[in-house]
Amino acid sequence: MGRERTTRDLVLETHQDVKWICRALERIEAENREYAARLRAVEEWRSEKRGEERRASAVGTVAGGVVGGAVAVIVKILGGG
């Protein structure tokens, strides 16, 4: 049979366990920071995409207004309205 474990043995084992837990927590925190950075990058990309879509929509609206105005002027000049 094995020898009986002393308080010193238990303290050393607990110390090793605590060190292992601390290393695991540090690794998890690093992974969380990496995940958060990737998530921020995706959110920024989506925000930029939404901004581009809004700009394209605004440009389309302005272009449509300009074209509509030009057509109205041409029709007026040609005597259609």
Protein backbone atom coordinates (compact mmCIF):
# COMPACT_ATOMS: atom_id res chain seq x y z
CA MET A 1 0.00 0.00 0.00
CA GLY A 2 1.03 3.59 -0.37
CA ARG A 3 2.27 5.81 2.32
CA GLU A 4 -0.09 8.18 4.05
CA ARG A 5 -0.23 11.69 2.61
CA THR A 6 1.02 14.44 4.84
CA THR A 7 -0.21 17.99 5.13
CA ARG A 8 2.92 19.06 3.22
CA ASP A 9 1.99 16.70 0.37
CA LEU A 10 -1.52 18.16 0.25
CA VAL A 11 -0.20 21.74 0.28
CA LEU A 12 2.21 20.98 -2.57
CA GLU A 13 -0.51 19.28 -4.59
CA THR A 14 -2.91 22.17 -3.96
CA HIS A 15 -0.20 24.65 -5.00
CA GLN A 16 0.33 22.74 -8.26
CA ASP A 17 -3.43 22.69 -8.87
CA VAL A 18 -3.68 26.44 -8.27
CA LYS A 19 -0.82 27.09 -10.70
CA TRP A 20 -2.54 24.92 -13.32
CA ILE A 21 -5.85 26.75 -12.79
CA CYS A 22 -4.11 30.15 -13.10
CA ARG A 23 -2.47 29.11 -16.38
CA ALA A 24 -5.80 27.82 -17.69
CA LEU A 25 -7.52 31.09 -16.74
CA GLU A 26 -4.79 33.13 -18.45
CA ARG A 27 -5.24 31.05 -21.61
CA ILE A 28 -9.02 31.49 -21.48
CA GLU A 29 -8.66 35.25 -20.97
CA ALA A 30 -6.30 35.47 -23.96
CA GLU A 31 -8.79 33.53 -26.09
CA ASN A 32 -11.59 35.83 -24.91
CA ARG A 33 -9.55 38.92 -25.85
CA GLU A 34 -8.89 37.42 -29.29
CA TYR A 35 -12.58 36.55 -29.72
CA ALA A 36 -13.63 40.06 -28.64
CA ALA A 37 -11.18 41.61 -31.12
CA ARG A 38 -12.55 39.45 -33.96
CA LEU A 39 -16.11 40.31 -32.94
CA ARG A 40 -15.28 44.05 -32.96
CA ALA A 41 -13.75 43.68 -36.43
CA VAL A 42 -16.92 42.01 -37.73
CA GLU A 43 -19.10 44.69 -36.11
CA GLU A 44 -16.98 47.43 -37.69
CA TRP A 45 -17.18 45.71 -41.07
CA ARG A 46 -20.97 45.43 -40.80
CA SER A 47 -21.19 49.07 -39.78
CA GLU A 48 -19.09 50.09 -42.77
CA LYS A 49 -21.24 47.93 -45.07
CA ARG A 50 -24.41 49.57 -43.72
CA GLY A 51 -22.82 52.98 -44.28
CA GLU A 52 -21.92 52.05 -47.86
CA GLU A 53 -25.44 50.80 -48.49
CA ARG A 54 -26.88 54.04 -47.11
CA ARG A 55 -24.49 56.12 -49.22
CA ALA A 56 -25.40 54.12 -52.34
CA SER A 57 -29.08 54.59 -51.56
CA ALA A 58 -28.58 58.31 -51.01
CA VAL A 59 -26.59 58.62 -54.24
CA GLY A 60 -29.33 56.73 -56.08
CA THR A 61 -31.96 59.03 -54.61
CA VAL A 62 -30.01 62.15 -55.56
CA ALA A 63 -29.29 60.79 -59.04
CA GLY A 64 -32.95 59.92 -59.48
CA GLY A 65 -33.93 63.43 -58.43
CA VAL A 66 -31.44 65.01 -60.82
CA VAL A 67 -32.57 62.82 -63.71
CA GLY A 68 -36.22 63.47 -62.89
CA GLY A 69 -35.56 67.21 -62.78
CA ALA A 70 -33.72 67.10 -66.10
CA VAL A 71 -36.56 65.17 -67.70
CA ALA A 72 -39.07 67.70 -66.40
CA VAL A 73 -37.01 70.57 -67.85
CA ILE A 74 -36.68 68.82 -71.22
CA VAL A 75 -40.41 68.07 -71.35
CA LYS A 76 -41.18 71.70 -70.45
CA ILE A 77 -38.76 72.95 -73.15
CA LEU A 78 -40.24 70.65 -75.77
CA GLY A 79 -43.69 71.92 -74.84
CA GLY A 80 -45.09 68.79 -73.33
CA GLY A 81 -46.16 70.16 -69.99
